[in-house]
C-alpha atoms as a PDB file:
ATOM      1  CA  MET A   1      26.321 -17.548 -10.957  1.00  0.00           C
ATOM      2  CA  TYR A   2      22.913 -18.255  -9.688  1.00  0.00           C
ATOM      3  CA  LYS A   3      23.701 -16.554  -6.428  1.00  0.00           C
ATOM      4  CA  THR A   4      24.846 -13.362  -8.488  1.00  0.00           C
ATOM      5  CA  VAL A   5      21.838 -13.116 -10.288  1.00  0.00           C
ATOM      6  CA  ILE A   6      19.790 -13.474  -7.129  1.00  0.00           C
ATOM      7  CA  MET A   7      21.771 -11.334  -4.851  1.00  0.00           C
ATOM      8  CA  LEU A   8      21.999  -8.365  -7.775  1.00  0.00           C
ATOM      9  CA  LEU A   9      18.304  -8.623  -8.330  1.00  0.00           C
ATOM     10  CA  ALA A  10      17.335  -8.346  -4.872  1.00  0.00           C
ATOM     11  CA  CYS A  11      19.466  -4.614  -4.972  1.00  0.00           C
ATOM     12  CA  LEU A  12      18.358  -3.854  -8.136  1.00  0.00           C
ATOM     13  CA  GLY A  13      14.459  -4.413  -7.665  1.00  0.00           C
ATOM     14  CA  LEU A  14      13.375  -4.048  -3.957  1.00  0.00           C
ATOM     15  CA  THR A  15      12.344  -1.257  -2.133  1.00  0.00           C
ATOM     16  CA  GLY A  16      15.280  -0.017   0.557  1.00  0.00           C
ATOM     17  CA  CYS A  17      18.129  -1.730  -0.536  1.00  0.00           C
ATOM     18  CA  SER A  18      21.385  -0.460   0.988  1.00  0.00           C
ATOM     19  CA  LEU A  19      22.964  -0.339  -2.368  1.00  0.00           C
ATOM     20  CA  PHE A  20      20.387   2.091  -3.230  1.00  0.00           C
ATOM     21  CA  GLY A  21      20.816   4.099   0.170  1.00  0.00           C
ATOM     22  CA  GLN A  22      19.218   4.368   2.852  1.00  0.00           C
ATOM     23  CA  ASN A  23      16.319   7.067   4.260  1.00  0.00           C
ATOM     24  CA  LEU A  24      14.822   8.120   0.562  1.00  0.00           C
ATOM     25  CA  GLN A  25      14.383  11.351   0.898  1.00  0.00           C
ATOM     26  CA  SER A  26      11.146  13.173  -1.031  1.00  0.00           C
ATOM     27  CA  SER A  27      11.840  14.819  -4.205  1.00  0.00           C
ATOM     28  CA  ALA A  28      11.360  18.554  -2.476  1.00  0.00           C
ATOM     29  CA  ASP A  29      14.574  17.592  -0.005  1.00  0.00           C
ATOM     30  CA  SER A  30      16.350  16.634  -3.209  1.00  0.00           C
ATOM     31  CA  GLU A  31      17.618  20.573  -4.255  1.00  0.00           C
ATOM     32  CA  SER A  32      20.319  20.840  -1.134  1.00  0.00           C
ATOM     33  CA  VAL A  33      21.723  17.478  -1.423  1.00  0.00           C
ATOM     34  CA  SER A  34      25.002  16.052  -2.974  1.00  0.00           C
ATOM     35  CA  THR A  35      24.159  13.378  -5.636  1.00  0.00           C
ATOM     36  CA  TYR A  36      25.436  10.918  -8.071  1.00  0.00           C
ATOM     37  CA  VAL A  37      24.347  11.819 -11.465  1.00  0.00           C
ATOM     38  CA  PRO A  38      24.581   9.251 -14.590  1.00  0.00           C
ATOM     39  CA  LEU A  39      25.685  10.737 -17.670  1.00  0.00           C
ATOM     40  CA  ASP A  40      25.198   9.423 -21.658  1.00  0.00           C
ATOM     41  CA  PRO A  41      28.586   7.930 -21.738  1.00  0.00           C
ATOM     42  CA  PHE A  42      31.309   9.224 -24.067  1.00  0.00           C
ATOM     43  CA  PRO A  43      34.518   7.814 -24.347  1.00  0.00           C
ATOM     44  CA  VAL A  44      37.965   8.593 -22.380  1.00  0.00           C
ATOM     45  CA  VAL A  45      42.119   8.714 -23.854  1.00  0.00           C
ATOM     46  CA  SER A  46      43.911   6.311 -21.604  1.00  0.00           C
ATOM     47  CA  THR A  47      47.395   7.139 -20.558  1.00  0.00           C
ATOM     48  CA  GLN A  48      49.750   5.752 -18.177  1.00  0.00           C
ATOM     49  CA  GLY A  49      49.286   5.963 -14.636  1.00  0.00           C
ATOM     50  CA  GLU A  50      51.752   6.243 -11.716  1.00  0.00           C
ATOM     51  CA  SER A  51      52.539   2.336 -11.215  1.00  0.00           C
ATOM     52  CA  CYS A  52      53.573   2.349 -15.511  1.00  0.00           C
ATOM     53  CA  LYS A  53      56.310   4.643 -14.494  1.00  0.00           C
ATOM     54  CA  SER A  54      58.411   2.786 -11.845  1.00  0.00           C
ATOM     55  CA  PRO A  55      57.714  -1.020 -10.388  1.00  0.00           C
ATOM     56  CA  ASP A  56      58.813  -0.036  -6.893  1.00  0.00           C
ATOM     57  CA  SER A  57      55.209   1.215  -6.524  1.00  0.00           C
ATOM     58  CA  ALA A  58      53.405  -1.315  -9.003  1.00  0.00           C
ATOM     59  CA  GLU A  59      52.507  -5.215  -9.239  1.00  0.00           C
ATOM     60  CA  VAL A  60      54.443  -7.358 -10.666  1.00  0.00           C
ATOM     61  CA  LEU A  61      52.191  -9.780 -13.338  1.00  0.00           C
ATOM     62  CA  GLY A  62      49.760  -9.294 -10.246  1.00  0.00           C
ATOM     63  CA  VAL A  63      52.052 -10.811  -7.933  1.00  0.00           C
ATOM     64  CA  GLY A  64      52.812  -9.304  -4.630  1.00  0.00           C
ATOM     65  CA  ARG A  65      56.274  -7.908  -4.505  1.00  0.00           C
ATOM     66  CA  ASN A  66      56.808  -9.527  -1.020  1.00  0.00           C
ATOM     67  CA  SER A  67      56.285 -12.850  -2.714  1.00  0.00           C
ATOM     68  CA  LEU A  68      59.015 -12.342  -5.830  1.00  0.00           C
ATOM     69  CA  PRO A  69      62.222 -14.457  -5.955  1.00  0.00           C
ATOM     70  CA  GLU A  70      64.838 -11.676  -3.916  1.00  0.00           C
ATOM     71  CA  GLY A  71      66.485  -9.726  -6.946  1.00  0.00           C
ATOM     72  CA  HIS A  72      63.402 -10.446  -9.330  1.00  0.00           C
ATOM     73  CA  LEU A  73      62.527  -6.522  -8.819  1.00  0.00           C
ATOM     74  CA  ALA A  74      65.324  -5.298 -10.293  1.00  0.00           C
ATOM     75  CA  ASP A  75      65.172  -7.416 -13.504  1.00  0.00           C
ATOM     76  CA  VAL A  76      61.886  -5.967 -14.589  1.00  0.00           C
ATOM     77  CA  ASP A  77      62.157  -3.394 -17.514  1.00  0.00           C
ATOM     78  CA  THR A  78      58.291  -3.385 -19.039  1.00  0.00           C
ATOM     79  CA  PRO A  79      55.467  -1.920 -17.682  1.00  0.00           C
ATOM     80  CA  ILE A  80      51.979  -3.214 -19.563  1.00  0.00           C
ATOM     81  CA  TYR A  81      48.267  -1.816 -18.607  1.00  0.00           C
ATOM     82  CA  LYS A  82      46.461  -4.241 -16.339  1.00  0.00           C
ATOM     83  CA  ASP A  83      43.640  -6.279 -17.932  1.00  0.00           C
ATOM     84  CA  MET A  84      40.457  -3.772 -18.169  1.00  0.00           C
ATOM     85  CA  LEU A  85      38.399  -4.930 -15.063  1.00  0.00           C
ATOM     86  CA  SER A  86      41.768  -5.172 -12.970  1.00  0.00           C
ATOM     87  CA  SER A  87      41.658  -1.634 -13.836  1.00  0.00           C
ATOM     88  CA  LEU A  88      38.674  -0.891 -12.456  1.00  0.00           C
ATOM     89  CA  PRO A  89      38.486  -1.097  -9.228  1.00  0.00           C
ATOM     90  CA  ASP A  90      34.999   0.151  -7.289  1.00  0.00           C
ATOM     91  CA  ASN A  91      31.895  -1.705  -8.170  1.00  0.00           C
ATOM     92  CA  ALA A  92      28.499  -0.231  -7.036  1.00  0.00           C
ATOM     93  CA  VAL A  93      25.154  -0.226  -7.616  1.00  0.00           C
ATOM     94  CA  ARG A  94      23.221   3.135  -7.620  1.00  0.00           C
ATOM     95  CA  MET A  95      19.734   4.965  -7.773  1.00  0.00           C
ATOM     96  CA  VAL A  96      19.374   8.296  -8.695  1.00  0.00           C
ATOM     97  CA  VAL A  97      15.671  10.696  -9.457  1.00  0.00           C
ATOM     98  CA  GLU A  98      15.047  13.602 -11.693  1.00  0.00           C
ATOM     99  CA  ASN A  99      11.936  15.433 -10.899  1.00  0.00           C
ATOM    100  CA  VAL A 100      10.697  17.035 -13.763  1.00  0.00           C
ATOM    101  CA  THR A 101       8.881  20.086 -12.440  1.00  0.00           C
ATOM    102  CA  SER A 102       5.900  21.656 -14.365  1.00  0.00           C
ATOM    103  CA  SER A 103       8.423  24.819 -15.672  1.00  0.00           C
ATOM    104  CA  GLY A 104      10.774  22.458 -16.993  1.00  0.00           C
ATOM    105  CA  SER A 105      13.714  22.198 -14.285  1.00  0.00           C
ATOM    106  CA  VAL A 106      15.446  19.161 -13.357  1.00  0.00           C
ATOM    107  CA  THR A 107      16.901  18.551  -9.685  1.00  0.00           C
ATOM    108  CA  TYR A 108      18.764  15.591  -8.811  1.00  0.00           C
ATOM    109  CA  GLY A 109      18.019  12.893  -6.083  1.00  0.00           C
ATOM    110  CA  VAL A 110      16.341  10.455  -4.360  1.00  0.00           C
ATOM    111  CA  GLY A 111      12.561   9.524  -4.427  1.00  0.00           C
ATOM    112  CA  LYS A 112      10.265   7.194  -2.568  1.00  0.00           C
ATOM    113  CA  ILE A 113       6.732   8.981  -3.149  1.00  0.00           C
ATOM    114  CA  GLY A 114       5.872  10.605  -6.528  1.00  0.00           C
ATOM    115  CA  GLY A 115       2.630  12.869  -6.567  1.00  0.00           C
ATOM    116  CA  ARG A 116      -0.323  12.769  -9.193  1.00  0.00           C
ATOM    117  CA  PHE A 117       0.917  13.952 -12.712  1.00  0.00           C
ATOM    118  CA  GLU A 118       4.890  14.854 -11.529  1.00  0.00           C
ATOM    119  CA  ARG A 119       7.267  13.429 -14.112  1.00  0.00           C
ATOM    120  CA  TYR A 120      10.337  11.024 -13.121  1.00  0.00           C
ATOM    121  CA  ARG A 121      13.591   9.373 -14.677  1.00  0.00           C
ATOM    122  CA  VAL A 122      14.670   7.043 -12.317  1.00  0.00           C
ATOM    123  CA  THR A 123      18.428   5.685 -13.610  1.00  0.00           C
ATOM    124  CA  ALA A 124      19.645   2.321 -11.786  1.00  0.00           C
ATOM    125  CA  ASP A 125      23.402   1.917 -12.474  1.00  0.00           C
ATOM    126  CA  TYR A 126      25.447  -0.641 -11.977  1.00  0.00           C
ATOM    127  CA  THR A 127      29.103  -0.020 -13.118  1.00  0.00           C
ATOM    128  CA  SER A 128      32.775  -1.486 -12.280  1.00  0.00           C
ATOM    129  CA  ALA A 129      34.779   1.938 -12.503  1.00  0.00           C
ATOM    130  CA  ASP A 130      37.727   4.322 -11.236  1.00  0.00           C
ATOM    131  CA  THR A 131      37.258   7.461  -9.872  1.00  0.00           C
ATOM    132  CA  ILE A 132      39.191  10.916 -11.586  1.00  0.00           C
ATOM    133  CA  ASN A 133      38.944  13.707  -8.997  1.00  0.00           C
ATOM    134  CA  MET A 134      38.541  16.597 -11.771  1.00  0.00           C
ATOM    135  CA  PRO A 135      39.028  19.936 -10.486  1.00  0.00           C
ATOM    136  CA  LEU A 136      36.891  22.740 -12.145  1.00  0.00           C
ATOM    137  CA  TRP A 137      36.995  26.536 -12.110  1.00  0.00           C
ATOM    138  CA  ILE A 138      33.408  27.186 -12.002  1.00  0.00           C
ATOM    139  CA  SER A 139      31.359  30.476 -11.662  1.00  0.00           C
ATOM    140  CA  LYS A 140      28.007  31.386 -11.007  1.00  0.00           C
ATOM    141  CA  GLU A 141      25.930  34.541 -12.479  1.00  0.00           C
ATOM    142  CA  VAL A 142      22.575  35.624 -10.706  1.00  0.00           C
ATOM    143  CA  GLU A 143      20.491  38.490 -12.667  1.00  0.00           C
ATOM    144  CA  LEU A 144      19.034  40.043 -10.097  1.00  0.00           C
ATOM    145  CA  LYS A 145      16.166  43.016 -10.026  1.00  0.00           C
ATOM    146  CA  THR A 146      15.488  46.332  -8.197  1.00  0.00           C
ATOM    147  CA  ILE A 147      12.578  46.290  -5.660  1.00  0.00           C
ATOM    148  CA  ASN A 148      11.244  49.186  -3.939  1.00  0.00           C
ATOM    149  CA  PRO A 149       7.269  49.479  -3.127  1.00  0.00           C
ATOM    150  CA  LYS A 150       7.330  53.390  -2.382  1.00  0.00           C
ATOM    151  CA  VAL A 151       8.446  54.389  -5.841  1.00  0.00           C
ATOM    152  CA  SER A 152       6.407  53.478  -8.540  1.00  0.00           C
ATOM    153  CA  LEU A 153       9.887  53.597 -11.361  1.00  0.00           C
ATOM    154  CA  ALA A 154      10.889  51.153 -13.577  1.00  0.00           C
ATOM    155  CA  SER A 155      12.785  48.470 -12.084  1.00  0.00           C
ATOM    156  CA  THR A 156      16.558  48.017 -12.674  1.00  0.00           C
ATOM    157  CA  THR A 157      18.264  44.941 -13.465  1.00  0.00           C
ATOM    158  CA  LEU A 158      21.747  43.963 -12.805  1.00  0.00           C
ATOM    159  CA  LYS A 159      23.576  40.880 -12.780  1.00  0.00           C
ATOM    160  CA  ARG A 160      26.623  39.652  -9.910  1.00  0.00           C
ATOM    161  CA  VAL A 161      28.904  36.769  -9.584  1.00  0.00           C
ATOM    162  CA  VAL A 162      28.359  34.767  -6.532  1.00  0.00           C
ATOM    163  CA  PRO A 163      29.130  32.083  -4.601  1.00  0.00           C
ATOM    164  CA  LEU A 164      27.478  28.397  -5.809  1.00  0.00           C
ATOM    165  CA  SER A 165      25.777  28.204  -2.169  1.00  0.00           C
ATOM    166  CA  GLU A 166      24.365  32.382  -2.715  1.00  0.00           C
ATOM    167  CA  VAL A 167      21.406  33.631  -4.216  1.00  0.00           C
ATOM    168  CA  ILE A 168      21.487  36.997  -3.622  1.00  0.00           C
ATOM    169  CA  PRO A 169      24.779  38.468  -2.600  1.00  0.00           C
ATOM    170  CA  VAL A 170      25.730  39.604   0.652  1.00  0.00           C
ATOM    171  CA  GLY A 171      24.751  43.345   0.483  1.00  0.00           C
ATOM    172  CA  PHE A 172      21.755  43.122  -1.582  1.00  0.00           C
ATOM    173  CA  GLN A 173      19.677  41.807   0.657  1.00  0.00           C
ATOM    174  CA  VAL A 174      15.887  43.808   1.509  1.00  0.00           C
ATOM    175  CA  ARG A 175      17.182  47.333   2.977  1.00  0.00           C
ATOM    176  CA  LEU A 176      15.532  48.559   6.060  1.00  0.00           C
ATOM    177  CA  ASP A 177      13.783  51.748   3.581  1.00  0.00           C
ATOM    178  CA  GLY A 178      11.941  48.198   1.665  1.00  0.00           C
ATOM    179  CA  THR A 179      14.521  48.645  -1.466  1.00  0.00           C
ATOM    180  CA  GLY A 180      16.114  45.373  -2.240  1.00  0.00           C
ATOM    181  CA  TYR A 181      17.075  42.975  -4.851  1.00  0.00           C
ATOM    182  CA  VAL A 182      14.964  39.973  -6.253  1.00  0.00           C
ATOM    183  CA  TYR A 183      16.802  36.701  -7.883  1.00  0.00           C
ATOM    184  CA  THR A 184      15.418  36.197 -11.569  1.00  0.00           C
ATOM    185  CA  SER A 185      18.132  34.227 -12.782  1.00  0.00           C
ATOM    186  CA  GLU A 186      21.295  32.421 -12.810  1.00  0.00           C
ATOM    187  CA  ARG A 187      23.830  30.933 -15.558  1.00  0.00           C
ATOM    188  CA  TYR A 188      27.089  29.163 -15.087  1.00  0.00           C
ATOM    189  CA  SER A 189      30.177  29.189 -16.505  1.00  0.00           C
ATOM    190  CA  VAL A 190      32.485  25.652 -16.302  1.00  0.00           C
ATOM    191  CA  ARG A 191      36.289  25.688 -17.393  1.00  0.00           C
ATOM    192  CA  ARG A 192      38.976  22.993 -16.710  1.00  0.00           C
ATOM    193  CA  ALA A 193      41.393  23.879 -14.153  1.00  0.00           C
ATOM    194  CA  VAL A 194      44.677  24.589 -15.764  1.00  0.00           C
ATOM    195  CA  PRO A 195      47.653  22.821 -13.450  1.00  0.00           C
ATOM    196  CA  GLY A 196      49.365  25.325 -11.334  1.00  0.00           C
ATOM    197  CA  GLU A 197      47.314  28.187 -12.217  1.00  0.00           C
ATOM    198  CA  SER A 198      44.741  30.325  -9.770  1.00  0.00           C
ATOM    199  CA  PRO A 199      41.518  30.385 -11.186  1.00  0.00           C
ATOM    200  CA  PRO A 200      40.017  33.107 -13.552  1.00  0.00           C
ATOM    201  CA  SER A 201      38.270  35.955 -11.088  1.00  0.00           C
ATOM    202  CA  GLY A 202      34.512  35.629 -10.776  1.00  0.00           C
ATOM    203  CA  TYR A 203      35.595  31.765 -10.779  1.00  0.00           C
ATOM    204  CA  GLU A 204      36.278  29.389  -7.695  1.00  0.00           C
ATOM    205  CA  VAL A 205      37.836  25.868  -7.852  1.00  0.00           C
ATOM    206  CA  TYR A 206      35.619  22.593  -7.118  1.00  0.00           C
ATOM    207  CA  ASN A 207      37.183  18.881  -7.244  1.00  0.00           C
ATOM    208  CA  ILE A 208      34.426  16.560  -9.240  1.00  0.00           C
ATOM    209  CA  PRO A 209      34.830  12.856  -8.823  1.00  0.00           C
ATOM    210  CA  VAL A 210      33.795  11.852 -12.264  1.00  0.00           C
ATOM    211  CA  TYR A 211      33.701   7.575 -12.842  1.00  0.00           C
ATOM    212  CA  VAL A 212      35.073   6.075 -15.765  1.00  0.00           C
ATOM    213  CA  GLY A 213      34.528   2.643 -16.240  1.00  0.00           C
ATOM    214  CA  ILE A 214      32.010  -0.112 -17.685  1.00  0.00           C
ATOM    215  CA  GLY A 215      28.628  -1.352 -15.845  1.00  0.00           C
ATOM    216  CA  ILE A 216      24.858  -1.795 -16.989  1.00  0.00           C
ATOM    217  CA  ARG A 217      21.993   0.719 -16.615  1.00  0.00           C
ATOM    218  CA  ILE A 218      18.146   0.894 -15.965  1.00  0.00           C
ATOM    219  CA  THR A 219      16.213   3.777 -17.059  1.00  0.00           C
ATOM    220  CA  SER A 220      12.298   4.378 -16.448  1.00  0.00           C
ATOM    221  CA  ASN A 221      10.379   7.742 -17.499  1.00  0.00           C
ATOM    222  CA  ILE A 222       7.727   7.488 -15.477  1.00  0.00           C
ATOM    223  CA  GLU A 223       4.417   9.990 -15.260  1.00  0.00           C
ATOM    224  CA  ILE A 224       2.810   9.672 -12.133  1.00  0.00           C
ATOM    225  CA  THR A 225      -1.271   9.009 -12.981  1.00  0.00           C
ATOM    226  CA  GLY A 226      -2.923   8.325  -9.535  1.00  0.00           C
ATOM    227  CA  SER A 227      -3.263   9.861  -6.555  1.00  0.00           C
ATOM    228  CA  THR A 228       0.708   9.012  -5.238  1.00  0.00           C
ATOM    229  CA  ALA A 229       3.615   5.910  -6.302  1.00  0.00           C
ATOM    230  CA  ASN A 230       6.059   4.166  -4.871  1.00  0.00           C
ATOM    231  CA  ILE A 231       9.194   4.733  -7.028  1.00  0.00           C
ATOM    232  CA  SER A 232      11.935   3.165  -4.695  1.00  0.00           C
ATOM    233  CA  GLY A 233      13.050   1.178  -6.725  1.00  0.00           C
ATOM    234  CA  ILE A 234      12.820  -0.562 -10.591  1.00  0.00           C
ATOM    235  CA  ALA A 235      10.548  -3.570  -9.515  1.00  0.00           C
ATOM    236  CA  ALA A 236       8.292  -0.872  -7.341  1.00  0.00           C
ATOM    237  CA  ILE A 237       7.970   1.470 -10.567  1.00  0.00           C
ATOM    238  CA  GLY A 238       6.995  -1.822 -12.264  1.00  0.00           C
ATOM    239  CA  PHE A 239       4.216  -3.078  -9.664  1.00  0.00           C
ATOM    240  CA  GLU A 240       2.769   0.843 -10.018  1.00  0.00           C
ATOM    241  CA  ALA A 241       2.607   0.399 -13.347  1.00  0.00           C
ATOM    242  CA  GLU A 242       0.601  -2.558 -13.300  1.00  0.00           C
ATOM    243  CA  SER A 243      -1.258  -0.276 -10.700  1.00  0.00           C
ATOM    244  CA  ASN A 244      -1.921   2.187 -13.153  1.00  0.00           C
ATOM    245  CA  ASN A 245      -0.464   4.368 -11.145  1.00  0.00           C
ATOM    246  CA  LEU A 246       2.216   5.710 -12.899  1.00  0.00           C
ATOM    247  CA  LYS A 247       2.743   5.345 -16.946  1.00  0.00           C
ATOM    248  CA  GLY A 248       6.257   5.337 -19.119  1.00  0.00           C
ATOM    249  CA  SER A 249       8.940   3.726 -20.496  1.00  0.00           C
ATOM    250  CA  LEU A 250      11.941   1.412 -19.434  1.00  0.00           C
ATOM    251  CA  VAL A 251      15.313   1.074 -21.167  1.00  0.00           C
ATOM    252  CA  VAL A 252      18.172  -1.251 -20.815  1.00  0.00           C
ATOM    253  CA  GLN A 253      21.409  -0.413 -21.935  1.00  0.00           C
ATOM    254  CA  THR A 254      24.933  -1.405 -21.529  1.00  0.00           C
ATOM    255  CA  LEU A 255      28.034   0.951 -20.662  1.00  0.00           C
ATOM    256  CA  GLY A 256      31.472   0.272 -22.276  1.00  0.00           C
ATOM    257  CA  VAL A 257      30.073  -3.541 -22.996  1.00  0.00           C
ATOM    258  CA  ASN A 258      30.024  -5.079 -25.992  1.00  0.00           C
ATOM    259  CA  GLY A 259      29.249  -8.747 -27.954  1.00  0.00           C
ATOM    260  CA  LYS A 260      27.113 -11.082 -29.205  1.00  0.00           C
ATOM    261  CA  ALA A 261      26.225 -12.595 -26.163  1.00  0.00           C
ATOM    262  CA  VAL A 262      25.347  -9.425 -24.241  1.00  0.00           C
ATOM    263  CA  SER A 263      23.573  -7.633 -27.440  1.00  0.00           C
ATOM    264  CA  SER A 264      20.931 -11.187 -27.322  1.00  0.00           C
ATOM    265  CA  ALA A 265      20.606 -10.840 -23.145  1.00  0.00           C
ATOM    266  CA  LEU A 266      19.450  -7.143 -24.246  1.00  0.00           C
ATOM    267  CA  PRO A 267      15.113  -7.143 -23.886  1.00  0.00           C
ATOM    268  CA  MET A 268      12.871  -5.880 -26.541  1.00  0.00           C
ATOM    269  CA  GLN A 269      10.193  -3.847 -24.564  1.00  0.00           C
ATOM    270  CA  SER A 270       7.312  -2.198 -25.584  1.00  0.00           C
ATOM    271  CA  GLU A 271       5.700  -1.117 -22.523  1.00  0.00           C
ATOM    272  CA  LEU A 272       5.916  -0.612 -19.001  1.00  0.00           C
ATOM    273  CA  ASN A 273       4.724  -3.412 -16.669  1.00  0.00           C
ATOM    274  CA  ALA A 274       5.770  -5.571 -13.810  1.00  0.00           C
ATOM    275  CA  THR A 275       6.770  -8.401 -16.249  1.00  0.00           C
ATOM    276  CA  THR A 276       8.888  -6.120 -18.488  1.00  0.00           C
ATOM    277  CA  ALA A 277      10.870  -4.027 -14.722  1.00  0.00           C
ATOM    278  CA  GLN A 278      11.725  -7.972 -13.668  1.00  0.00           C
ATOM    279  CA  ASN A 279      12.947  -8.874 -17.340  1.00  0.00           C
ATOM    280  CA  ALA A 280      14.902  -6.034 -17.250  1.00  0.00           C
ATOM    281  CA  LEU A 281      16.185  -6.745 -13.774  1.00  0.00           C
ATOM    282  CA  ILE A 282      17.080 -10.430 -15.147  1.00  0.00           C
ATOM    283  CA  ALA A 283      18.958  -9.305 -17.926  1.00  0.00           C
ATOM    284  CA  THR A 284      20.692  -6.581 -16.002  1.00  0.00           C
ATOM    285  CA  ALA A 285      21.944  -8.898 -13.539  1.00  0.00           C
ATOM    286  CA  SER A 286      22.498 -11.870 -16.807  1.00  0.00           C
ATOM    287  CA  ILE A 287      24.899  -9.341 -18.666  1.00  0.00           C
ATOM    288  CA  LYS A 288      27.049  -8.686 -15.319  1.00  0.00           C
ATOM    289  CA  THR A 289      27.443 -12.359 -15.024  1.00  0.00           C
ATOM    290  CA  LEU A 290      29.428 -12.072 -18.871  1.00  0.00           C
ATOM    291  CA  LEU A 291      31.496  -9.100 -17.908  1.00  0.00           C
ATOM    292  CA  TYR A 292      34.252 -12.242 -17.556  1.00  0.00           C
ATOM    293  CA  SER A 293      33.875 -13.655 -20.670  1.00  0.00           C
ATOM    294  CA  ASP A 294      36.715 -13.809 -23.109  1.00  0.00           C
ATOM    295  CA  ASP A 295      33.723 -13.133 -26.409  1.00  0.00           C
ATOM    296  CA  THR A 296      32.816  -9.796 -24.231  1.00  0.00           C
ATOM    297  CA  GLN A 297      34.812  -6.547 -25.311  1.00  0.00           C
ATOM    298  CA  ILE A 298      34.611  -3.782 -22.870  1.00  0.00           C
ATOM    299  CA  TYR A 299      35.528   0.249 -23.488  1.00  0.00           C
ATOM    300  CA  PRO A 300      36.134   2.215 -20.622  1.00  0.00           C
ATOM    301  CA  ARG A 301      33.527   5.347 -20.623  1.00  0.00           C
ATOM    302  CA  VAL A 302      32.734   8.207 -18.704  1.00  0.00           C
ATOM    303  CA  VAL A 303      29.927   7.090 -17.212  1.00  0.00           C
ATOM    304  CA  GLY A 304      28.950   9.665 -14.364  1.00  0.00           C
ATOM    305  CA  LEU A 305      29.867  12.108 -11.388  1.00  0.00           C
ATOM    306  CA  TYR A 306      29.391  13.329  -8.080  1.00  0.00           C
ATOM    307  CA  LEU A 307      28.453  17.175  -7.332  1.00  0.00           C
ATOM    308  CA  PRO A 308      29.365  17.708  -4.034  1.00  0.00           C
ATOM    309  CA  PHE A 309      26.670  20.396  -3.961  1.00  0.00           C
ATOM    310  CA  SER A 310      23.557  21.309  -4.358  1.00  0.00           C
ATOM    311  CA  SER A 311      22.642  20.200  -8.071  1.00  0.00           C
ATOM    312  CA  LYS A 312      20.664  22.633 -10.615  1.00  0.00           C
ATOM    313  CA  LYS A 313      20.135  21.317 -13.771  1.00  0.00           C
ATOM    314  CA  ALA A 314      21.755  24.666 -15.531  1.00  0.00           C
ATOM    315  CA  LEU A 315      25.105  23.500 -13.311  1.00  0.00           C
ATOM    316  CA  VAL A 316      24.976  20.060 -14.371  1.00  0.00           C
ATOM    317  CA  ASN A 317      24.819  20.663 -18.023  1.00  0.00           C
ATOM    318  CA  ALA A 318      27.201  22.865 -18.153  1.00  0.00           C
ATOM    319  CA  ILE A 319      29.372  20.779 -16.788  1.00  0.00           C
ATOM    320  CA  ILE A 320      28.595  17.612 -19.137  1.00  0.00           C
ATOM    321  CA  SER A 321      29.071  20.365 -21.657  1.00  0.00           C
ATOM    322  CA  GLU A 322      32.981  21.320 -20.705  1.00  0.00           C
ATOM    323  CA  LEU A 323      34.037  17.693 -19.492  1.00  0.00           C
ATOM    324  CA  SER A 324      32.371  16.185 -23.294  1.00  0.00           C
ATOM    325  CA  SER A 325      34.064  19.262 -25.035  1.00  0.00           C
ATOM    326  CA  SER A 326      37.463  17.145 -25.080  1.00  0.00           C
ATOM    327  CA  ARG A 327      38.190  13.229 -23.744  1.00  0.00           C
ATOM    328  CA  VAL A 328      38.905  12.958 -20.345  1.00  0.00           C
ATOM    329  CA  GLU A 329      42.176  11.782 -19.219  1.00  0.00           C
ATOM    330  CA  TRP A 330      42.294   8.407 -17.464  1.00  0.00           C
ATOM    331  CA  LYS A 331      45.451   7.415 -15.843  1.00  0.00           C
ATOM    332  CA  ARG A 332      45.438   3.440 -16.259  1.00  0.00           C
ATOM    333  CA  PRO A 333      47.466   1.473 -14.227  1.00  0.00           C
ATOM    334  CA  CYS A 334      49.806  -1.427 -14.785  1.00  0.00           C
ATOM    335  CA  TYR A 335      52.257  -4.394 -14.211  1.00  0.00           C
ATOM    336  CA  TRP A 336      55.722  -5.154 -14.331  1.00  0.00           C
ATOM    337  CA  VAL A 337      57.274  -7.671 -16.366  1.00  0.00           C
ATOM    338  CA  ASN A 338      60.878  -9.210 -17.491  1.00  0.00           C
ATOM    339  CA  SER A 339      60.523  -8.955 -21.042  1.00  0.00           C
ATOM    340  CA  LYS A 340      63.339 -11.441 -21.650  1.00  0.00           C
ATOM    341  CA  LYS A 341      62.162 -14.035 -18.993  1.00  0.00           C
ATOM    342  CA  LEU A 342      58.598 -13.548 -18.794  1.00  0.00           C
ATOM    343  CA  SER A 343      56.113 -13.865 -20.994  1.00  0.00           C
ATOM    344  CA  ILE A 344      53.899 -10.919 -21.567  1.00  0.00           C
ATOM    345  CA  PRO A 345      49.946 -11.999 -20.639  1.00  0.00           C
ATOM    346  CA  LYS A 346      47.591 -10.709 -23.860  1.00  0.00           C
ATOM    347  CA  ASN A 347      46.432  -7.211 -22.976  1.00  0.00           C
ATOM    348  CA  THR A 348      42.332  -6.541 -22.497  1.00  0.00           C
END
């Protein structure tokens, strides 16, 4: 347990940890990168996965099929869900920085150095999760305004549907006579794809990886008060706050994890400094070790998603709105047992 806590603290707190991504970029570079987006957790509906339909592709009580006695596979007749942690095969530590601009817009990415008066939300997630590839139909509509320096007339506004990577549609750039169009705003529409159907006119289909699982999250909302500040890790943020280079808040929360010991491990914090940042890291490491306790209850949640394209806040909000409109379906894997000869383990 001691080694586990020390290793997790190192990855959560120190700058340059590979689990938080190498070569941290400035916030100016973040608009054009694909990124992990943490979500406020919301519940899923569990359904039987492919391994629950036939024992041919499943495990039998967690034992490899080749290790079973001859003829035993033909006797298994009952699928049961794997325990929750065995159903969530992927462990990860992720960090993402949201840059809140003076206009109120938000871009997602990673960051290393923040400038005076800039505002950020820094999120560090430890998760055990399964990945769902969620097909979505997405449409982007931009509003354009005509420009003509030769004619002093009221401008004309028009709307066009464009691909996500495009701002001004092909054919609407500035012409030789000076007439052209400037971008003014954009709007996104998102729908869940219907299996077997083509997307409606103006929509394109995108597969969005959605993470279903459990975890622990540290979130810090900060404003840079010095000339610059290092925001590449939770520990770094604490030290910068101690040096009066930034101010803000710090929150530790669980994602689908509950229990008496878990609640007791959550820190009560009133300010952001080096001590409270260290306490948050210690609490995160402690809760991680409690995930395997029989007294800890775990419930799968949608905890985040990965955007394979530019991550504008309006697009992120449209995707979140669609995902939360009805529960995401998670196909949970199964073991198989012989209901007459084998005892069925307690399902968690």
